[in-house]
Amino acid sequence: MANDDHIAQLMKGVAAWSVWRDENPNIRPDLSGANLNGANLSGAKLSEANLSGAHINGAHLNGANLNGAYLLGAALVETDLRDADLTGCHIYGTSAWSLKLERTKQQNLVITRENNPIGDIFCNLSKFLAQMFKFI
């Protein structure tokens, strides 16, 4: 469940949220299960935030930094992620369709459950095979 103080900070607006994040670099925001449907979070600093199970449908996250964020089981339908940074996001079980993804950074997405050695082996094997096929 989301931390009420973190939700209150976010609801003050992106500018206030950014200041709060800069002042509290060691806090990993817990926005899990939050209802962020339709929210304007353009440019928000959401790196390493826990957005697991959050409802982010129709939200504006263009230009947002979601680097390393946890989106496990989150709902992102018709969400604007243009120019956002999703590098290293944990996206297992995320419901996502009709997204706006132009110029979105999507490197090193984590598509397995937490602590899933079989999934990690599969991902590493997939990367290995992809590299091998480049040489054939």
N, C-alpha and C. Protein backbone atom coordinates (compact mmCIF):
# COMPACT_ATOMS: atom_id res chain seq x y z
N MET A 1 0.84 -1.19 0.00
CA MET A 1 0.00 0.00 0.00
C MET A 1 0.88 1.25 0.00
N ALA A 2 0.45 2.24 -0.71
CA ALA A 2 1.23 3.47 -0.86
C ALA A 2 1.43 4.18 0.47
N ASN A 3 2.55 4.87 0.56
CA ASN A 3 2.84 5.70 1.71
C ASN A 3 2.05 7.00 1.55
N ASP A 4 1.17 7.31 2.50
CA ASP A 4 0.31 8.50 2.40
C ASP A 4 1.12 9.79 2.29
N ASP A 5 2.26 9.85 2.97
CA ASP A 5 3.10 11.05 2.89
C ASP A 5 3.68 11.22 1.49
N HIS A 6 4.03 10.10 0.84
CA HIS A 6 4.58 10.18 -0.51
C HIS A 6 3.50 10.62 -1.49
N ILE A 7 2.30 10.10 -1.33
CA ILE A 7 1.18 10.51 -2.20
C ILE A 7 0.91 12.00 -2.01
N ALA A 8 0.91 12.47 -0.77
CA ALA A 8 0.66 13.89 -0.48
C ALA A 8 1.72 14.76 -1.16
N GLN A 9 2.98 14.32 -1.12
CA GLN A 9 4.05 15.08 -1.78
C GLN A 9 3.81 15.15 -3.28
N LEU A 10 3.45 14.02 -3.88
CA LEU A 10 3.23 13.97 -5.32
C LEU A 10 2.05 14.85 -5.73
N MET A 11 1.01 14.89 -4.92
CA MET A 11 -0.18 15.68 -5.24
C MET A 11 0.07 17.19 -5.17
N LYS A 12 1.21 17.60 -4.61
CA LYS A 12 1.56 19.03 -4.58
C LYS A 12 2.00 19.52 -5.95
N GLY A 13 2.25 18.58 -6.86
CA GLY A 13 2.67 18.94 -8.21
C GLY A 13 4.08 18.48 -8.50
N VAL A 14 4.40 18.41 -9.78
CA VAL A 14 5.70 17.88 -10.22
C VAL A 14 6.86 18.74 -9.72
N ALA A 15 6.71 20.06 -9.74
CA ALA A 15 7.81 20.92 -9.29
C ALA A 15 8.13 20.68 -7.81
N ALA A 16 7.10 20.64 -6.97
CA ALA A 16 7.30 20.40 -5.54
C ALA A 16 7.85 18.99 -5.31
N TRP A 17 7.35 18.02 -6.08
CA TRP A 17 7.82 16.64 -5.98
C TRP A 17 9.31 16.56 -6.31
N SER A 18 9.72 17.27 -7.36
CA SER A 18 11.13 17.25 -7.77
C SER A 18 12.02 17.82 -6.67
N VAL A 19 11.59 18.90 -6.04
CA VAL A 19 12.36 19.48 -4.92
C VAL A 19 12.45 18.47 -3.79
N TRP A 20 11.33 17.84 -3.45
CA TRP A 20 11.29 16.84 -2.38
C TRP A 20 12.23 15.68 -2.69
N ARG A 21 12.21 15.21 -3.94
CA ARG A 21 13.11 14.11 -4.33
C ARG A 21 14.57 14.53 -4.21
N ASP A 22 14.88 15.74 -4.62
CA ASP A 22 16.26 16.23 -4.52
C ASP A 22 16.71 16.34 -3.07
N GLU A 23 15.79 16.72 -2.20
CA GLU A 23 16.10 16.87 -0.77
C GLU A 23 16.14 15.53 -0.04
N ASN A 24 15.56 14.50 -0.63
CA ASN A 24 15.47 13.18 0.01
C ASN A 24 15.94 12.08 -0.95
N PRO A 25 17.21 12.13 -1.37
CA PRO A 25 17.68 11.20 -2.39
C PRO A 25 17.71 9.73 -1.94
N ASN A 26 17.69 9.49 -0.64
CA ASN A 26 17.76 8.10 -0.16
C ASN A 26 16.39 7.47 0.05
N ILE A 27 15.33 8.24 -0.16
CA ILE A 27 13.98 7.69 0.01
C ILE A 27 13.52 7.10 -1.31
N ARG A 28 13.08 5.85 -1.24
CA ARG A 28 12.48 5.19 -2.41
C ARG A 28 10.97 5.37 -2.29
N PRO A 29 10.39 6.25 -3.09
CA PRO A 29 8.96 6.53 -2.94
C PRO A 29 8.08 5.29 -3.10
N ASP A 30 7.13 5.16 -2.19
CA ASP A 30 6.19 4.05 -2.25
C ASP A 30 4.84 4.58 -2.70
N LEU A 31 4.55 4.38 -3.96
CA LEU A 31 3.29 4.78 -4.56
C LEU A 31 2.51 3.54 -5.00
N SER A 32 2.80 2.41 -4.38
CA SER A 32 2.19 1.14 -4.76
C SER A 32 0.67 1.20 -4.55
N GLY A 33 -0.04 0.75 -5.56
CA GLY A 33 -1.50 0.70 -5.49
C GLY A 33 -2.18 2.04 -5.63
N ALA A 34 -1.43 3.10 -5.84
CA ALA A 34 -2.02 4.46 -5.92
C ALA A 34 -2.89 4.61 -7.16
N ASN A 35 -3.91 5.44 -7.03
CA ASN A 35 -4.76 5.78 -8.17
C ASN A 35 -4.20 7.05 -8.79
N LEU A 36 -3.46 6.89 -9.86
CA LEU A 36 -2.87 8.01 -10.58
C LEU A 36 -3.49 8.16 -11.97
N ASN A 37 -4.67 7.60 -12.14
CA ASN A 37 -5.36 7.69 -13.42
C ASN A 37 -5.52 9.15 -13.84
N GLY A 38 -5.08 9.46 -15.06
CA GLY A 38 -5.24 10.79 -15.61
C GLY A 38 -4.32 11.85 -15.02
N ALA A 39 -3.43 11.47 -14.12
CA ALA A 39 -2.56 12.45 -13.47
C ALA A 39 -1.57 13.05 -14.47
N ASN A 40 -1.23 14.32 -14.27
CA ASN A 40 -0.20 14.96 -15.08
C ASN A 40 1.11 14.89 -14.30
N LEU A 41 1.93 13.91 -14.66
CA LEU A 41 3.23 13.70 -14.02
C LEU A 41 4.36 13.91 -15.02
N SER A 42 4.12 14.79 -15.98
CA SER A 42 5.12 15.07 -17.01
C SER A 42 6.40 15.58 -16.35
N GLY A 43 7.52 14.92 -16.68
CA GLY A 43 8.81 15.32 -16.16
C GLY A 43 9.07 14.92 -14.72
N ALA A 44 8.20 14.13 -14.13
CA ALA A 44 8.35 13.75 -12.72
C ALA A 44 9.57 12.86 -12.50
N LYS A 45 10.22 13.05 -11.37
CA LYS A 45 11.36 12.22 -10.96
C LYS A 45 10.81 11.04 -10.18
N LEU A 46 10.60 9.93 -10.88
CA LEU A 46 10.03 8.72 -10.28
C LEU A 46 11.03 7.57 -10.30
N SER A 47 12.31 7.88 -10.41
CA SER A 47 13.31 6.82 -10.45
C SER A 47 13.26 6.00 -9.16
N GLU A 48 13.29 4.69 -9.34
CA GLU A 48 13.26 3.69 -8.26
C GLU A 48 12.00 3.75 -7.40
N ALA A 49 10.98 4.45 -7.86
CA ALA A 49 9.72 4.49 -7.12
C ALA A 49 9.01 3.15 -7.21
N ASN A 50 8.29 2.80 -6.16
CA ASN A 50 7.48 1.59 -6.17
C ASN A 50 6.08 1.97 -6.63
N LEU A 51 5.78 1.65 -7.88
CA LEU A 51 4.47 1.90 -8.47
C LEU A 51 3.74 0.58 -8.72
N SER A 52 4.14 -0.46 -8.01
CA SER A 52 3.53 -1.78 -8.18
C SER A 52 2.03 -1.70 -7.89
N GLY A 53 1.24 -2.24 -8.81
CA GLY A 53 -0.20 -2.28 -8.64
C GLY A 53 -0.88 -0.93 -8.77
N ALA A 54 -0.14 0.10 -9.16
CA ALA A 54 -0.73 1.43 -9.31
C ALA A 54 -1.60 1.49 -10.56
N HIS A 55 -2.58 2.37 -10.51
CA HIS A 55 -3.46 2.62 -11.66
C HIS A 55 -2.99 3.92 -12.30
N ILE A 56 -2.39 3.79 -13.49
CA ILE A 56 -1.76 4.93 -14.14
C ILE A 56 -2.38 5.13 -15.53
N ASN A 57 -3.61 4.72 -15.69
CA ASN A 57 -4.29 4.80 -16.98
C ASN A 57 -4.53 6.25 -17.39
N GLY A 58 -4.22 6.54 -18.64
CA GLY A 58 -4.46 7.87 -19.18
C GLY A 58 -3.61 8.96 -18.55
N ALA A 59 -2.59 8.59 -17.80
CA ALA A 59 -1.72 9.58 -17.16
C ALA A 59 -0.72 10.15 -18.16
N HIS A 60 -0.19 11.30 -17.84
CA HIS A 60 0.81 11.97 -18.66
C HIS A 60 2.15 11.86 -17.93
N LEU A 61 3.00 10.96 -18.43
CA LEU A 61 4.33 10.74 -17.87
C LEU A 61 5.40 11.10 -18.89
N ASN A 62 5.03 11.93 -19.86
CA ASN A 62 6.02 12.29 -20.88
C ASN A 62 7.19 13.02 -20.23
N GLY A 63 8.39 12.57 -20.59
CA GLY A 63 9.61 13.16 -20.05
C GLY A 63 9.92 12.75 -18.62
N ALA A 64 9.15 11.84 -18.05
CA ALA A 64 9.38 11.42 -16.66
C ALA A 64 10.59 10.50 -16.57
N ASN A 65 11.25 10.52 -15.42
CA ASN A 65 12.36 9.62 -15.16
C ASN A 65 11.84 8.48 -14.29
N LEU A 66 11.66 7.32 -14.91
CA LEU A 66 11.19 6.12 -14.22
C LEU A 66 12.31 5.09 -14.13
N ASN A 67 13.53 5.54 -14.24
CA ASN A 67 14.69 4.65 -14.21
C ASN A 67 14.66 3.76 -12.96
N GLY A 68 14.61 2.45 -13.17
CA GLY A 68 14.62 1.50 -12.07
C GLY A 68 13.34 1.42 -11.27
N ALA A 69 12.27 2.02 -11.76
CA ALA A 69 10.99 1.99 -11.04
C ALA A 69 10.37 0.59 -11.08
N TYR A 70 9.54 0.31 -10.10
CA TYR A 70 8.83 -0.96 -10.01
C TYR A 70 7.40 -0.74 -10.47
N LEU A 71 7.06 -1.33 -11.61
CA LEU A 71 5.72 -1.22 -12.19
C LEU A 71 5.04 -2.58 -12.19
N LEU A 72 5.44 -3.47 -11.28
CA LEU A 72 4.90 -4.82 -11.22
C LEU A 72 3.38 -4.78 -11.04
N GLY A 73 2.65 -5.35 -11.99
CA GLY A 73 1.20 -5.41 -11.89
C GLY A 73 0.50 -4.08 -12.04
N ALA A 74 1.19 -3.04 -12.47
CA ALA A 74 0.57 -1.73 -12.66
C ALA A 74 -0.29 -1.73 -13.92
N ALA A 75 -1.26 -0.83 -13.97
CA ALA A 75 -2.12 -0.69 -15.14
C ALA A 75 -1.78 0.61 -15.84
N LEU A 76 -1.30 0.48 -17.08
CA LEU A 76 -0.95 1.64 -17.90
C LEU A 76 -1.67 1.51 -19.24
N VAL A 77 -2.84 2.03 -19.32
CA VAL A 77 -3.62 1.99 -20.55
C VAL A 77 -3.76 3.42 -21.05
N GLU A 78 -3.39 3.63 -22.33
CA GLU A 78 -3.43 4.95 -22.94
C GLU A 78 -2.62 5.97 -22.14
N THR A 79 -1.49 5.52 -21.61
CA THR A 79 -0.59 6.38 -20.84
C THR A 79 0.43 7.00 -21.78
N ASP A 80 0.72 8.27 -21.56
CA ASP A 80 1.68 8.99 -22.39
C ASP A 80 3.06 8.88 -21.75
N LEU A 81 3.94 8.10 -22.39
CA LEU A 81 5.30 7.89 -21.91
C LEU A 81 6.33 8.44 -22.89
N ARG A 82 5.91 9.34 -23.76
CA ARG A 82 6.85 9.90 -24.73
C ARG A 82 8.02 10.58 -24.01
N ASP A 83 9.22 10.31 -24.52
CA ASP A 83 10.45 10.89 -23.98
C ASP A 83 10.76 10.48 -22.54
N ALA A 84 10.04 9.51 -22.00
CA ALA A 84 10.31 9.04 -20.63
C ALA A 84 11.49 8.08 -20.63
N ASP A 85 12.10 7.92 -19.47
CA ASP A 85 13.21 6.98 -19.29
C ASP A 85 12.72 5.81 -18.45
N LEU A 86 12.57 4.66 -19.10
CA LEU A 86 12.12 3.43 -18.42
C LEU A 86 13.28 2.46 -18.21
N THR A 87 14.50 2.92 -18.33
CA THR A 87 15.66 2.05 -18.20
C THR A 87 15.62 1.29 -16.88
N GLY A 88 15.74 -0.02 -16.97
CA GLY A 88 15.80 -0.85 -15.78
C GLY A 88 14.50 -1.00 -15.02
N CYS A 89 13.38 -0.61 -15.62
CA CYS A 89 12.08 -0.76 -14.94
C CYS A 89 11.72 -2.22 -14.78
N HIS A 90 11.06 -2.51 -13.68
CA HIS A 90 10.55 -3.85 -13.39
C HIS A 90 9.10 -3.86 -13.85
N ILE A 91 8.81 -4.63 -14.92
CA ILE A 91 7.50 -4.53 -15.56
C ILE A 91 6.71 -5.83 -15.57
N TYR A 92 7.14 -6.83 -14.80
CA TYR A 92 6.43 -8.11 -14.79
C TYR A 92 4.96 -7.89 -14.40
N GLY A 93 4.06 -8.44 -15.20
CA GLY A 93 2.63 -8.39 -14.89
C GLY A 93 1.96 -7.06 -15.16
N THR A 94 2.66 -6.15 -15.80
CA THR A 94 2.08 -4.84 -16.10
C THR A 94 1.07 -4.96 -17.23
N SER A 95 -0.08 -4.31 -17.07
CA SER A 95 -1.08 -4.24 -18.14
C SER A 95 -0.83 -2.96 -18.90
N ALA A 96 -0.40 -3.10 -20.15
CA ALA A 96 -0.04 -1.91 -20.91
C ALA A 96 -0.49 -2.06 -22.35
N TRP A 97 -1.30 -1.13 -22.82
CA TRP A 97 -1.65 -1.08 -24.22
C TRP A 97 -2.08 0.34 -24.59
N SER A 98 -2.03 0.61 -25.87
CA SER A 98 -2.32 1.93 -26.42
C SER A 98 -1.46 3.01 -25.76
N LEU A 99 -0.18 2.68 -25.56
CA LEU A 99 0.74 3.63 -24.95
C LEU A 99 1.33 4.55 -26.01
N LYS A 100 1.71 5.72 -25.60
CA LYS A 100 2.46 6.64 -26.46
C LYS A 100 3.91 6.49 -26.04
N LEU A 101 4.73 5.93 -26.94
CA LEU A 101 6.10 5.56 -26.58
C LEU A 101 7.17 6.21 -27.46
N GLU A 102 6.83 7.22 -28.22
CA GLU A 102 7.83 7.84 -29.08
C GLU A 102 9.00 8.36 -28.23
N ARG A 103 10.21 8.01 -28.67
CA ARG A 103 11.47 8.45 -28.06
C ARG A 103 11.63 8.01 -26.60
N THR A 104 10.89 6.99 -26.20
CA THR A 104 11.01 6.48 -24.84
C THR A 104 12.22 5.56 -24.73
N LYS A 105 13.03 5.72 -23.69
CA LYS A 105 14.16 4.83 -23.43
C LYS A 105 13.64 3.59 -22.72
N GLN A 106 13.91 2.42 -23.31
CA GLN A 106 13.40 1.16 -22.78
C GLN A 106 14.49 0.10 -22.68
N GLN A 107 15.67 0.48 -22.22
CA GLN A 107 16.76 -0.49 -22.12
C GLN A 107 16.69 -1.25 -20.79
N ASN A 108 17.15 -2.50 -20.86
CA ASN A 108 17.32 -3.33 -19.66
C ASN A 108 16.06 -3.46 -18.82
N LEU A 109 14.91 -3.59 -19.48
CA LEU A 109 13.67 -3.81 -18.73
C LEU A 109 13.72 -5.17 -18.04
N VAL A 110 13.24 -5.22 -16.82
CA VAL A 110 13.22 -6.46 -16.05
C VAL A 110 11.83 -7.05 -16.20
N ILE A 111 11.76 -8.20 -16.90
CA ILE A 111 10.47 -8.78 -17.25
C ILE A 111 10.11 -10.01 -16.41
N THR A 112 10.90 -10.28 -15.39
CA THR A 112 10.64 -11.44 -14.53
C THR A 112 10.21 -10.98 -13.15
N ARG A 113 9.63 -11.91 -12.39
CA ARG A 113 9.29 -11.64 -11.00
C ARG A 113 10.56 -11.41 -10.21
N GLU A 114 10.43 -10.78 -9.07
CA GLU A 114 11.56 -10.63 -8.17
C GLU A 114 12.03 -12.01 -7.72
N ASN A 115 13.33 -12.16 -7.57
CA ASN A 115 13.93 -13.40 -7.06
C ASN A 115 13.47 -14.62 -7.87
N ASN A 116 13.53 -14.51 -9.18
CA ASN A 116 13.11 -15.60 -10.06
C ASN A 116 14.33 -16.08 -10.84
N PRO A 117 15.11 -17.02 -10.26
CA PRO A 117 16.33 -17.45 -10.94
C PRO A 117 16.07 -18.09 -12.30
N ILE A 118 14.94 -18.79 -12.46
CA ILE A 118 14.64 -19.40 -13.75
C ILE A 118 14.41 -18.31 -14.80
N GLY A 119 13.67 -17.29 -14.44
CA GLY A 119 13.44 -16.18 -15.36
C GLY A 119 14.74 -15.47 -15.70
N ASP A 120 15.61 -15.30 -14.71
CA ASP A 120 16.90 -14.67 -14.95
C ASP A 120 17.75 -15.51 -15.90
N ILE A 121 17.73 -16.81 -15.72
CA ILE A 121 18.47 -17.71 -16.61
C ILE A 121 17.92 -17.58 -18.04
N PHE A 122 16.59 -17.55 -18.17
CA PHE A 122 15.97 -17.42 -19.48
C PHE A 122 16.38 -16.11 -20.14
N CYS A 123 16.33 -15.00 -19.38
CA CYS A 123 16.71 -13.70 -19.95
C CYS A 123 18.17 -13.70 -20.37
N ASN A 124 19.05 -14.26 -19.54
CA ASN A 124 20.46 -14.31 -19.89
C ASN A 124 20.69 -15.20 -21.10
N LEU A 125 19.97 -16.33 -21.18
CA LEU A 125 20.08 -17.21 -22.34
C LEU A 125 19.61 -16.49 -23.60
N SER A 126 18.52 -15.74 -23.49
CA SER A 126 18.00 -15.00 -24.64
C SER A 126 19.03 -13.98 -25.13
N LYS A 127 19.66 -13.27 -24.21
CA LYS A 127 20.68 -12.29 -24.58
C LYS A 127 21.87 -12.98 -25.23
N PHE A 128 22.28 -14.13 -24.68
CA PHE A 128 23.40 -14.89 -25.23
C PHE A 128 23.09 -15.33 -26.67
N LEU A 129 21.89 -15.90 -26.88
CA LEU A 129 21.52 -16.37 -28.21
C LEU A 129 21.43 -15.22 -29.20
N ALA A 130 20.93 -14.07 -28.75
CA ALA A 130 20.86 -12.91 -29.63
C ALA A 130 22.25 -12.48 -30.08
N GLN A 131 23.20 -12.52 -29.16
CA GLN A 131 24.57 -12.18 -29.50
C GLN A 131 25.17 -13.21 -30.47
N MET A 132 24.87 -14.48 -30.25
CA MET A 132 25.40 -15.53 -31.10
C MET A 132 24.88 -15.38 -32.54
N PHE A 133 23.61 -15.05 -32.70
CA PHE A 133 23.03 -14.93 -34.02
C PHE A 133 23.58 -13.73 -34.79
N LYS A 134 24.15 -12.77 -34.11
CA LYS A 134 24.77 -11.65 -34.79
C LYS A 134 25.99 -12.10 -35.59
N PHE A 135 26.62 -13.17 -35.12
CA PHE A 135 27.85 -13.65 -35.78
C PHE A 135 27.59 -14.69 -36.84
N ILE A 136 26.38 -15.14 -36.97
CA ILE A 136 26.08 -16.19 -37.96
C ILE A 136 25.67 -15.57 -39.28
